[in-house]
Structures are given as structure tokens and as C-alpha cells.
PDB file of N, CA and C in Angstrom:
ATOM      1  N   MET A   1     125.356 252.348 409.010  1.00  0.00           N
ATOM      2  CA  MET A   1     126.306 252.814 408.391  1.00  0.00           C
ATOM      3  C   MET A   1     126.887 252.444 407.229  1.00  0.00           C
ATOM      4  N   TYR A   2     127.223 253.103 405.765  1.00  0.00           N
ATOM      5  CA  TYR A   2     127.394 252.276 404.369  1.00  0.00           C
ATOM      6  C   TYR A   2     128.904 252.187 404.277  1.00  0.00           C
ATOM      7  N   SER A   3     129.281 251.074 403.723  1.00  0.00           N
ATOM      8  CA  SER A   3     130.734 251.229 402.940  1.00  0.00           C
ATOM      9  C   SER A   3     130.573 250.324 401.730  1.00  0.00           C
ATOM     10  N   PRO A   4     131.415 250.761 400.848  1.00  0.00           N
ATOM     11  CA  PRO A   4     131.381 250.141 399.658  1.00  0.00           C
ATOM     12  C   PRO A   4     131.887 248.863 399.314  1.00  0.00           C
ATOM     13  N   TYR A   5     132.966 248.658 400.110  1.00  0.00           N
ATOM     14  CA  TYR A   5     133.492 247.315 400.710  1.00  0.00           C
ATOM     15  C   TYR A   5     132.617 246.444 401.092  1.00  0.00           C
ATOM     16  N   VAL A   6     131.510 246.258 402.213  1.00  0.00           N
ATOM     17  CA  VAL A   6     130.848 245.214 402.827  1.00  0.00           C
ATOM     18  C   VAL A   6     129.661 245.608 402.888  1.00  0.00           C
ATOM     19  N   LYS A   7     128.853 244.287 402.755  1.00  0.00           N
ATOM     20  CA  LYS A   7     127.377 244.579 402.365  1.00  0.00           C
ATOM     21  C   LYS A   7     126.443 243.806 403.804  1.00  0.00           C
ATOM     22  N   PHE A   8     127.377 243.532 404.717  1.00  0.00           N
ATOM     23  CA  PHE A   8     126.776 243.205 406.366  1.00  0.00           C
ATOM     24  C   PHE A   8     125.426 242.069 405.902  1.00  0.00           C
ATOM     25  N   SER A   9     126.339 240.880 404.989  1.00  0.00           N
ATOM     26  CA  SER A   9     125.325 239.790 404.739  1.00  0.00           C
ATOM     27  C   SER A   9     125.896 238.522 404.885  1.00  0.00           C
ATOM     28  N   LYS A  10     125.179 237.572 405.475  1.00  0.00           N
ATOM     29  CA  LYS A  10     125.610 236.282 405.161  1.00  0.00           C
ATOM     30  C   LYS A  10     126.320 236.119 403.507  1.00  0.00           C
ATOM     31  N   LYS A  11     128.136 235.418 403.947  1.00  0.00           N
ATOM     32  CA  LYS A  11     128.208 234.986 402.190  1.00  0.00           C
ATOM     33  C   LYS A  11     128.510 236.199 401.815  1.00  0.00           C
ATOM     34  N   ASP A  12     128.825 237.388 402.555  1.00  0.00           N
ATOM     35  CA  ASP A  12     128.945 238.764 401.769  1.00  0.00           C
ATOM     36  C   ASP A  12     130.013 238.904 400.285  1.00  0.00           C
ATOM     37  N   GLU A  13     129.114 239.237 399.537  1.00  0.00           N
ATOM     38  CA  GLU A  13     129.423 239.326 397.727  1.00  0.00           C
ATOM     39  C   GLU A  13     130.381 240.431 397.593  1.00  0.00           C
ATOM     40  N   THR A  14     130.484 241.656 398.349  1.00  0.00           N
ATOM     41  CA  THR A  14     130.644 242.921 397.999  1.00  0.00           C
ATOM     42  C   THR A  14     131.875 242.622 398.561  1.00  0.00           C
ATOM     43  N   LEU A  15     132.189 242.100 400.313  1.00  0.00           N
ATOM     44  CA  LEU A  15     133.544 242.292 400.460  1.00  0.00           C
ATOM     45  C   LEU A  15     134.054 240.666 400.044  1.00  0.00           C
ATOM     46  N   THR A  16     133.578 239.700 399.594  1.00  0.00           N
ATOM     47  CA  THR A  16     133.832 238.906 398.575  1.00  0.00           C
ATOM     48  C   THR A  16     134.945 239.173 397.346  1.00  0.00           C
ATOM     49  N   LYS A  17     133.935 240.120 396.671  1.00  0.00           N
ATOM     50  CA  LYS A  17     134.681 240.131 395.298  1.00  0.00           C
ATOM     51  C   LYS A  17     135.863 241.426 395.934  1.00  0.00           C
ATOM     52  N   TYR A  18     135.843 242.103 396.805  1.00  0.00           N
ATOM     53  CA  TYR A  18     136.800 243.083 397.157  1.00  0.00           C
ATOM     54  C   TYR A  18     138.358 242.408 397.167  1.00  0.00           C
ATOM     55  N   LEU A  19     137.624 241.161 398.160  1.00  0.00           N
ATOM     56  CA  LEU A  19     139.153 240.479 398.923  1.00  0.00           C
ATOM     57  C   LEU A  19     139.578 240.227 397.426  1.00  0.00           C
ATOM     58  N   MET A  20     138.834 239.228 396.695  1.00  0.00           N
ATOM     59  CA  MET A  20     139.619 238.461 395.346  1.00  0.00           C
ATOM     60  C   MET A  20     139.929 239.564 394.704  1.00  0.00           C
ATOM     61  N   ARG A  21     139.824 240.739 394.547  1.00  0.00           N
ATOM     62  CA  ARG A  21     140.520 241.739 393.315  1.00  0.00           C
ATOM     63  C   ARG A  21     141.891 242.442 394.796  1.00  0.00           C
ATOM     64  N   LYS A  22     141.561 242.303 395.657  1.00  0.00           N
ATOM     65  CA  LYS A  22     142.707 242.876 396.205  1.00  0.00           C
ATOM     66  C   LYS A  22     143.832 241.942 396.991  1.00  0.00           C
ATOM     67  N   TYR A  23     143.057 241.429 398.030  1.00  0.00           N
ATOM     68  CA  TYR A  23     143.953 240.576 398.996  1.00  0.00           C
ATOM     69  C   TYR A  23     144.917 239.641 398.250  1.00  0.00           C
ATOM     70  N   HIS A  24     145.895 239.723 399.030  1.00  0.00           N
ATOM     71  CA  HIS A  24     146.880 238.799 398.376  1.00  0.00           C
ATOM     72  C   HIS A  24     147.603 237.433 399.165  1.00  0.00           C
ATOM     73  N   GLY A  25     147.299 237.761 400.325  1.00  0.00           N
ATOM     74  CA  GLY A  25     147.668 237.127 401.306  1.00  0.00           C
ATOM     75  C   GLY A  25     147.426 235.333 401.432  1.00  0.00           C
ATOM     76  N   ASP A  26     147.648 234.841 402.540  1.00  0.00           N
ATOM     77  CA  ASP A  26     146.939 233.995 403.244  1.00  0.00           C
ATOM     78  C   ASP A  26     145.506 233.419 403.585  1.00  0.00           C
ATOM     79  N   PHE A  27     145.116 232.677 403.502  1.00  0.00           N
ATOM     80  CA  PHE A  27     143.655 232.284 403.822  1.00  0.00           C
ATOM     81  C   PHE A  27     143.370 232.339 405.475  1.00  0.00           C
ATOM     82  N   CYS A  28     143.257 233.319 406.260  1.00  0.00           N
ATOM     83  CA  CYS A  28     143.430 233.361 407.483  1.00  0.00           C
ATOM     84  C   CYS A  28     143.084 234.368 408.524  1.00  0.00           C
ATOM     85  N   TYR A  29     141.822 234.257 409.014  1.00  0.00           N
ATOM     86  CA  TYR A  29     140.759 235.497 409.264  1.00  0.00           C
ATOM     87  C   TYR A  29     141.609 236.856 409.598  1.00  0.00           C
ATOM     88  N   LEU A  30     142.748 236.407 410.984  1.00  0.00           N
ATOM     89  CA  LEU A  30     143.510 237.137 411.307  1.00  0.00           C
ATOM     90  C   LEU A  30     143.917 238.216 410.323  1.00  0.00           C
ATOM     91  N   LYS A  31     145.126 237.887 409.539  1.00  0.00           N
ATOM     92  CA  LYS A  31     145.868 238.115 408.552  1.00  0.00           C
ATOM     93  C   LYS A  31     145.117 239.043 407.401  1.00  0.00           C
ATOM     94  N   ILE A  32     143.835 238.145 407.179  1.00  0.00           N
ATOM     95  CA  ILE A  32     142.612 239.374 406.621  1.00  0.00           C
ATOM     96  C   ILE A  32     142.413 240.676 407.339  1.00  0.00           C
ATOM     97  N   ALA A  33     142.239 240.483 408.644  1.00  0.00           N
ATOM     98  CA  ALA A  33     141.397 241.661 409.423  1.00  0.00           C
ATOM     99  C   ALA A  33     142.883 242.731 409.431  1.00  0.00           C
ATOM    100  N   ASN A  34     143.799 242.166 409.701  1.00  0.00           N
ATOM    101  CA  ASN A  34     144.913 242.901 409.698  1.00  0.00           C
ATOM    102  C   ASN A  34     145.160 243.819 408.243  1.00  0.00           C
ATOM    103  N   TRP A  35     145.260 243.206 407.293  1.00  0.00           N
ATOM    104  CA  TRP A  35     144.982 243.841 406.294  1.00  0.00           C
ATOM    105  C   TRP A  35     144.300 244.638 406.108  1.00  0.00           C
ATOM    106  N   VAL A  36     142.594 244.715 406.543  1.00  0.00           N
ATOM    107  CA  VAL A  36     141.922 245.244 406.280  1.00  0.00           C
ATOM    108  C   VAL A  36     142.021 246.934 407.181  1.00  0.00           C
ATOM    109  N   VAL A  37     142.625 246.805 408.164  1.00  0.00           N
ATOM    110  CA  VAL A  37     142.866 247.631 408.898  1.00  0.00           C
ATOM    111  C   VAL A  37     144.340 248.279 408.060  1.00  0.00           C
ATOM    112  N   GLU A  38     144.729 247.406 407.914  1.00  0.00           N
ATOM    113  CA  GLU A  38     146.133 248.186 407.510  1.00  0.00           C
ATOM    114  C   GLU A  38     145.706 249.396 405.603  1.00  0.00           C
ATOM    115  N   LYS A  39     145.104 248.469 405.249  1.00  0.00           N
ATOM    116  CA  LYS A  39     144.325 248.985 403.572  1.00  0.00           C
ATOM    117  C   LYS A  39     143.173 250.328 403.744  1.00  0.00           C
ATOM    118  N   THR A  40     142.272 250.199 404.953  1.00  0.00           N
ATOM    119  CA  THR A  40     141.563 251.003 405.133  1.00  0.00           C
ATOM    120  C   THR A  40     142.413 252.980 405.496  1.00  0.00           C
ATOM    121  N   LYS A  41     143.470 252.501 406.094  1.00  0.00           N
ATOM    122  CA  LYS A  41     144.362 253.522 406.820  1.00  0.00           C
ATOM    123  C   LYS A  41     143.299 254.021 408.048  1.00  0.00           C
ATOM    124  N   VAL A  42     142.867 253.226 408.815  1.00  0.00           N
ATOM    125  CA  VAL A  42     142.342 253.379 410.427  1.00  0.00           C
ATOM    126  C   VAL A  42     143.400 253.323 411.248  1.00  0.00           C
ATOM    127  N   ARG A  43     144.103 252.753 410.874  1.00  0.00           N
ATOM    128  CA  ARG A  43     145.470 252.474 412.429  1.00  0.00           C
ATOM    129  C   ARG A  43     145.494 253.003 413.009  1.00  0.00           C
ATOM    130  N   ASN A  44     145.844 254.534 412.170  1.00  0.00           N
ATOM    131  CA  ASN A  44     146.343 255.851 413.341  1.00  0.00           C
ATOM    132  C   ASN A  44     145.555 256.133 413.565  1.00  0.00           C
ATOM    133  N   LYS A  45     144.074 256.426 413.128  1.00  0.00           N
ATOM    134  CA  LYS A  45     142.984 256.775 414.072  1.00  0.00           C
ATOM    135  C   LYS A  45     142.154 256.096 415.015  1.00  0.00           C
ATOM    136  N   ILE A  46     142.436 254.855 415.689  1.00  0.00           N
ATOM    137  CA  ILE A  46     141.944 254.134 416.322  1.00  0.00           C
ATOM    138  C   ILE A  46     142.400 253.915 418.223  1.00  0.00           C
ATOM    139  N   ASP A  47     141.790 254.518 418.699  1.00  0.00           N
ATOM    140  CA  ASP A  47     142.893 253.463 420.210  1.00  0.00           C
ATOM    141  C   ASP A  47     142.955 252.551 420.647  1.00  0.00           C
ATOM    142  N   ASP A  48     142.221 251.388 420.178  1.00  0.00           N
ATOM    143  CA  ASP A  48     142.785 250.091 420.362  1.00  0.00           C
ATOM    144  C   ASP A  48     142.403 249.309 419.035  1.00  0.00           C
ATOM    145  N   GLU A  49     143.687 249.426 418.483  1.00  0.00           N
ATOM    146  CA  GLU A  49     143.590 248.658 417.155  1.00  0.00           C
ATOM    147  C   GLU A  49     142.815 246.738 417.505  1.00  0.00           C
ATOM    148  N   GLU A  50     143.468 246.554 418.760  1.00  0.00           N
ATOM    149  CA  GLU A  50     143.431 244.883 418.939  1.00  0.00           C
ATOM    150  C   GLU A  50     141.718 244.598 419.018  1.00  0.00           C
ATOM    151  N   ASP A  51     140.626 245.775 418.873  1.00  0.00           N
ATOM    152  CA  ASP A  51     139.323 245.619 419.616  1.00  0.00           C
ATOM    153  C   ASP A  51     138.781 245.331 417.952  1.00  0.00           C
ATOM    154  N   LEU A  52     139.379 246.406 416.929  1.00  0.00           N
ATOM    155  CA  LEU A  52     139.308 246.728 415.711  1.00  0.00           C
ATOM    156  C   LEU A  52     139.256 245.298 415.080  1.00  0.00           C
ATOM    157  N   ILE A  53     140.222 244.713 415.145  1.00  0.00           N
ATOM    158  CA  ILE A  53     140.363 243.571 414.283  1.00  0.00           C
ATOM    159  C   ILE A  53     140.061 242.243 414.608  1.00  0.00           C
ATOM    160  N   ASP A  54     139.628 242.451 416.060  1.00  0.00           N
ATOM    161  CA  ASP A  54     138.565 241.253 416.363  1.00  0.00           C
ATOM    162  C   ASP A  54     137.343 241.592 416.184  1.00  0.00           C
ATOM    163  N   CYS A  55     136.684 242.892 416.263  1.00  0.00           N
ATOM    164  CA  CYS A  55     135.085 242.899 415.637  1.00  0.00           C
ATOM    165  C   CYS A  55     135.565 242.402 414.074  1.00  0.00           C
ATOM    166  N   ILE A  56     136.566 242.872 413.201  1.00  0.00           N
ATOM    167  CA  ILE A  56     136.563 242.228 411.740  1.00  0.00           C
ATOM    168  C   ILE A  56     136.764 241.022 411.985  1.00  0.00           C
ATOM    169  N   MET A  57     137.296 240.080 412.517  1.00  0.00           N
ATOM    170  CA  MET A  57     137.317 239.037 412.616  1.00  0.00           C
ATOM    171  C   MET A  57     136.432 238.168 413.055  1.00  0.00           C
ATOM    172  N   SER A  58     135.347 238.517 413.862  1.00  0.00           N
ATOM    173  CA  SER A  58     134.078 238.255 414.192  1.00  0.00           C
ATOM    174  C   SER A  58     133.124 238.671 413.093  1.00  0.00           C
ATOM    175  N   TYR A  59     132.945 239.408 412.981  1.00  0.00           N
ATOM    176  CA  TYR A  59     132.421 239.660 411.419  1.00  0.00           C
ATOM    177  C   TYR A  59     132.605 238.508 410.056  1.00  0.00           C
ATOM    178  N   LEU A  60     133.996 238.695 410.302  1.00  0.00           N
ATOM    179  CA  LEU A  60     134.411 236.823 408.780  1.00  0.00           C
ATOM    180  C   LEU A  60     133.733 235.825 409.564  1.00  0.00           C
ATOM    181  N   TYR A  61     134.025 235.639 410.662  1.00  0.00           N
ATOM    182  CA  TYR A  61     133.251 235.100 410.944  1.00  0.00           C
ATOM    183  C   TYR A  61     131.449 234.062 410.933  1.00  0.00           C
ATOM    184  N   TRP A  62     130.812 235.413 411.129  1.00  0.00           N
ATOM    185  CA  TRP A  62     129.743 235.767 410.710  1.00  0.00           C
ATOM    186  C   TRP A  62     129.369 235.419 409.277  1.00  0.00           C
ATOM    187  N   ALA A  63     129.755 236.256 409.065  1.00  0.00           N
ATOM    188  CA  ALA A  63     129.768 236.403 407.045  1.00  0.00           C
ATOM    189  C   ALA A  63     129.960 234.625 406.182  1.00  0.00           C
ATOM    190  N   TYR A  64     131.162 234.027 406.810  1.00  0.00           N
ATOM    191  CA  TYR A  64     131.371 232.974 405.987  1.00  0.00           C
ATOM    192  C   TYR A  64     131.728 231.817 406.513  1.00  0.00           C
ATOM    193  N   GLY A  65     130.817 232.066 408.355  1.00  0.00           N
ATOM    194  CA  GLY A  65     131.394 230.516 409.165  1.00  0.00           C
ATOM    195  C   GLY A  65     132.935 230.481 409.664  1.00  0.00           C
ATOM    196  N   ASP A  66     133.035 229.216 409.707  1.00  0.00           N
ATOM    197  CA  ASP A  66     133.977 228.596 410.305  1.00  0.00           C
ATOM    198  C   ASP A  66     135.174 228.838 409.210  1.00  0.00           C
ATOM    199  N   PRO A  67     136.374 228.829 409.442  1.00  0.00           N
ATOM    200  CA  PRO A  67     137.818 228.870 408.708  1.00  0.00           C
ATOM    201  C   PRO A  67     138.200 227.802 408.279  1.00  0.00           C
ATOM    202  N   PHE A  68     137.851 227.047 409.366  1.00  0.00           N
ATOM    203  CA  PHE A  68     137.876 225.491 408.881  1.00  0.00           C
ATOM    204  C   PHE A  68     137.323 224.299 408.289  1.00  0.00           C
ATOM    205  N   ASP A  69     136.135 224.831 407.622  1.00  0.00           N
ATOM    206  CA  ASP A  69     134.840 224.257 407.164  1.00  0.00           C
ATOM    207  C   ASP A  69     135.741 224.766 405.372  1.00  0.00           C
ATOM    208  N   GLU A  70     135.841 223.419 404.818  1.00  0.00           N
ATOM    209  CA  GLU A  70     136.058 223.314 403.705  1.00  0.00           C
ATOM    210  C   GLU A  70     135.535 223.685 402.234  1.00  0.00           C
ATOM    211  N   TYR A  71     134.298 224.086 402.708  1.00  0.00           N
ATOM    212  CA  TYR A  71     132.931 225.164 402.255  1.00  0.00           C
ATOM    213  C   TYR A  71     132.761 226.246 402.322  1.00  0.00           C
ATOM    214  N   ASN A  72     133.979 227.200 403.313  1.00  0.00           N
ATOM    215  CA  ASN A  72     133.688 228.374 403.459  1.00  0.00           C
ATOM    216  C   ASN A  72     134.042 229.060 402.269  1.00  0.00           C
ATOM    217  N   ILE A  73     133.159 229.384 401.727  1.00  0.00           N
ATOM    218  CA  ILE A  73     133.014 230.785 400.034  1.00  0.00           C
ATOM    219  C   ILE A  73     134.364 231.516 400.156  1.00  0.00           C
ATOM    220  N   LEU A  74     135.163 232.013 401.485  1.00  0.00           N
ATOM    221  CA  LEU A  74     135.832 233.314 401.398  1.00  0.00           C
ATOM    222  C   LEU A  74     137.406 232.337 400.875  1.00  0.00           C
ATOM    223  N   LYS A  75     137.974 231.191 401.647  1.00  0.00           N
ATOM    224  CA  LYS A  75     138.323 230.425 401.440  1.00  0.00           C
ATOM    225  C   LYS A  75     138.671 229.733 399.987  1.00  0.00           C
ATOM    226  N   VAL A  76     137.791 229.504 399.899  1.00  0.00           N
ATOM    227  CA  VAL A  76     137.526 228.906 398.718  1.00  0.00           C
ATOM    228  C   VAL A  76     138.032 229.737 397.511  1.00  0.00           C
ATOM    229  N   MET A  77     137.285 230.480 397.531  1.00  0.00           N
ATOM    230  CA  MET A  77     137.461 232.074 396.726  1.00  0.00           C
ATOM    231  C   MET A  77     138.980 232.413 396.363  1.00  0.00           C
ATOM    232  N   ILE A  78     140.060 232.751 397.573  1.00  0.00           N
ATOM    233  CA  ILE A  78     141.166 232.900 397.968  1.00  0.00           C
ATOM    234  C   ILE A  78     142.391 231.984 396.994  1.00  0.00           C
ATOM    235  N   ASP A  79     141.360 230.206 397.333  1.00  0.00           N
ATOM    236  CA  ASP A  79     142.282 229.364 397.103  1.00  0.00           C
ATOM    237  C   ASP A  79     142.467 229.599 395.482  1.00  0.00           C
ATOM    238  N   ILE A  80     140.828 229.851 394.918  1.00  0.00           N
ATOM    239  CA  ILE A  80     141.070 230.049 393.558  1.00  0.00           C
ATOM    240  C   ILE A  80     141.891 230.972 392.684  1.00  0.00           C
ATOM    241  N   ILE A  81     142.257 231.996 393.558  1.00  0.00           N
ATOM    242  CA  ILE A  81     143.039 233.052 393.312  1.00  0.00           C
ATOM    243  C   ILE A  81     144.285 232.656 392.856  1.00  0.00           C
ATOM    244  N   THR A  82     144.578 232.043 394.424  1.00  0.00           N
ATOM    245  CA  THR A  82     146.345 231.894 394.654  1.00  0.00           C
ATOM    246  C   THR A  82     146.546 230.884 393.634  1.00  0.00           C
ATOM    247  N   LEU A  83     145.625 229.728 393.350  1.00  0.00           N
ATOM    248  CA  LEU A  83     146.494 228.657 392.360  1.00  0.00           C
ATOM    249  C   LEU A  83     146.292 229.591 390.785  1.00  0.00           C
ATOM    250  N   ARG A  84     145.738 230.120 390.077  1.00  0.00           N
ATOM    251  CA  ARG A  84     145.522 231.244 389.383  1.00  0.00           C
ATOM    252  C   ARG A  84     146.757 232.141 389.518  1.00  0.00           C
ATOM    253  N   LYS A  85     147.287 232.408 390.222  1.00  0.00           N
ATOM    254  CA  LYS A  85     148.326 233.257 390.178  1.00  0.00           C
ATOM    255  C   LYS A  85     149.650 231.969 390.166  1.00  0.00           C
ATOM    256  N   LYS A  86     149.586 230.415 390.738  1.00  0.00           N
ATOM    257  CA  LYS A  86     150.730 230.235 390.469  1.00  0.00           C
ATOM    258  C   LYS A  86     150.442 229.752 388.971  1.00  0.00           C
ATOM    259  N   ASN A  87     149.280 229.052 388.670  1.00  0.00           N
ATOM    260  CA  ASN A  87     149.861 228.844 387.327  1.00  0.00           C
ATOM    261  C   ASN A  87     149.889 229.754 386.171  1.00  0.00           C
ATOM    262  N   LYS A  88     149.385 230.841 386.167  1.00  0.00           N
ATOM    263  CA  LYS A  88     149.874 231.965 385.718  1.00  0.00           C
ATOM    264  C   LYS A  88     151.930 232.545 385.465  1.00  0.00           C
ATOM    265  N   LYS A  89     152.498 232.156 386.850  1.00  0.00           N
ATOM    266  CA  LYS A  89     153.508 232.623 386.948  1.00  0.00           C
ATOM    267  C   LYS A  89     154.613 230.547 386.064  1.00  0.00           C
ATOM    268  N   LYS A  90     154.157 229.986 386.306  1.00  0.00           N
ATOM    269  CA  LYS A  90     154.670 228.950 385.570  1.00  0.00           C
ATOM    270  C   LYS A  90     154.551 228.724 384.467  1.00  0.00           C
ATOM    271  N   LYS A  91     153.572 229.253 383.303  1.00  0.00           N
ATOM    272  CA  LYS A  91     152.958 229.092 382.230  1.00  0.00           C
ATOM    273  C   LYS A  91     154.244 230.621 381.790  1.00  0.00           C
ATOM    274  N   SER A  92     154.390 231.662 382.721  1.00  0.00           N
ATOM    275  CA  SER A  92     155.046 232.874 381.614  1.00  0.00           C
ATOM    276  C   SER A  92     156.649 232.372 381.361  1.00  0.00           C
ATOM    277  N   PRO A  93     156.589 232.755 379.722  1.00  0.00           N
ATOM    278  CA  PRO A  93     158.272 232.274 379.185  1.00  0.00           C
ATOM    279  C   PRO A  93     159.016 232.716 379.689  1.00  0.00           C
ATOM    280  N   TYR A  94     158.892 234.086 380.526  1.00  0.00           N
ATOM    281  CA  TYR A  94     159.689 234.574 380.965  1.00  0.00           C
ATOM    282  C   TYR A  94     160.192 234.458 382.167  1.00  0.00           C
ATOM    283  N   ARG A  95     159.934 233.416 383.006  1.00  0.00           N
ATOM    284  CA  ARG A  95     160.629 233.017 383.809  1.00  0.00           C
ATOM    285  C   ARG A  95     162.042 232.214 383.898  1.00  0.00           C
TER     286      ARG A  95
END
């Protein structure tokens, strides 16, 4: 099955880039999985949403590793984006 958002590989670069551009929440596999289900609009088309969320969380764990690992590439990237947004808001002269 082909997806433009997932590469099905360790440290999935395609999903990382997509999440960096679109995901604006906290780093949490559960929150990311819920966001993916909501964004892909499959929520109304599935019988068991919990199974799908579990599957996405398992994929995230497989692709990126332990979410509590300080070197988790997805965590690092989301943290960088979050810091950039905070710094941008601080520097805004219109605040």
C-alpha cells in the first residue's frame, strides 16, 4: 500500500517531514496518532478507532523508537519546531 505521508522505514523521513510541516501539538505518540486519524479523515470510515490508533502508535514506536529516548529523531524535530515558533512569537513587534 502506497502512502505519500509514510515511507515504512526506520526513522521515516517522509512522515517526519509531514509532521514537521503540519503537526503543531505536543510530542506524544498517542496525541500524534489521534491527530493522524483525524487529519486523514478515516475516523468515520473505520469500525474500531482504538485499533487504528494502537497500530499508528506501534508504527511510531517501530519507526522512531522509545518516545522517552532523548535522541528520538521525531521528538528532536518537533521540539525544534516548537522552539522556533516560541522564539518567533517573542520577537514579533506586534505583540
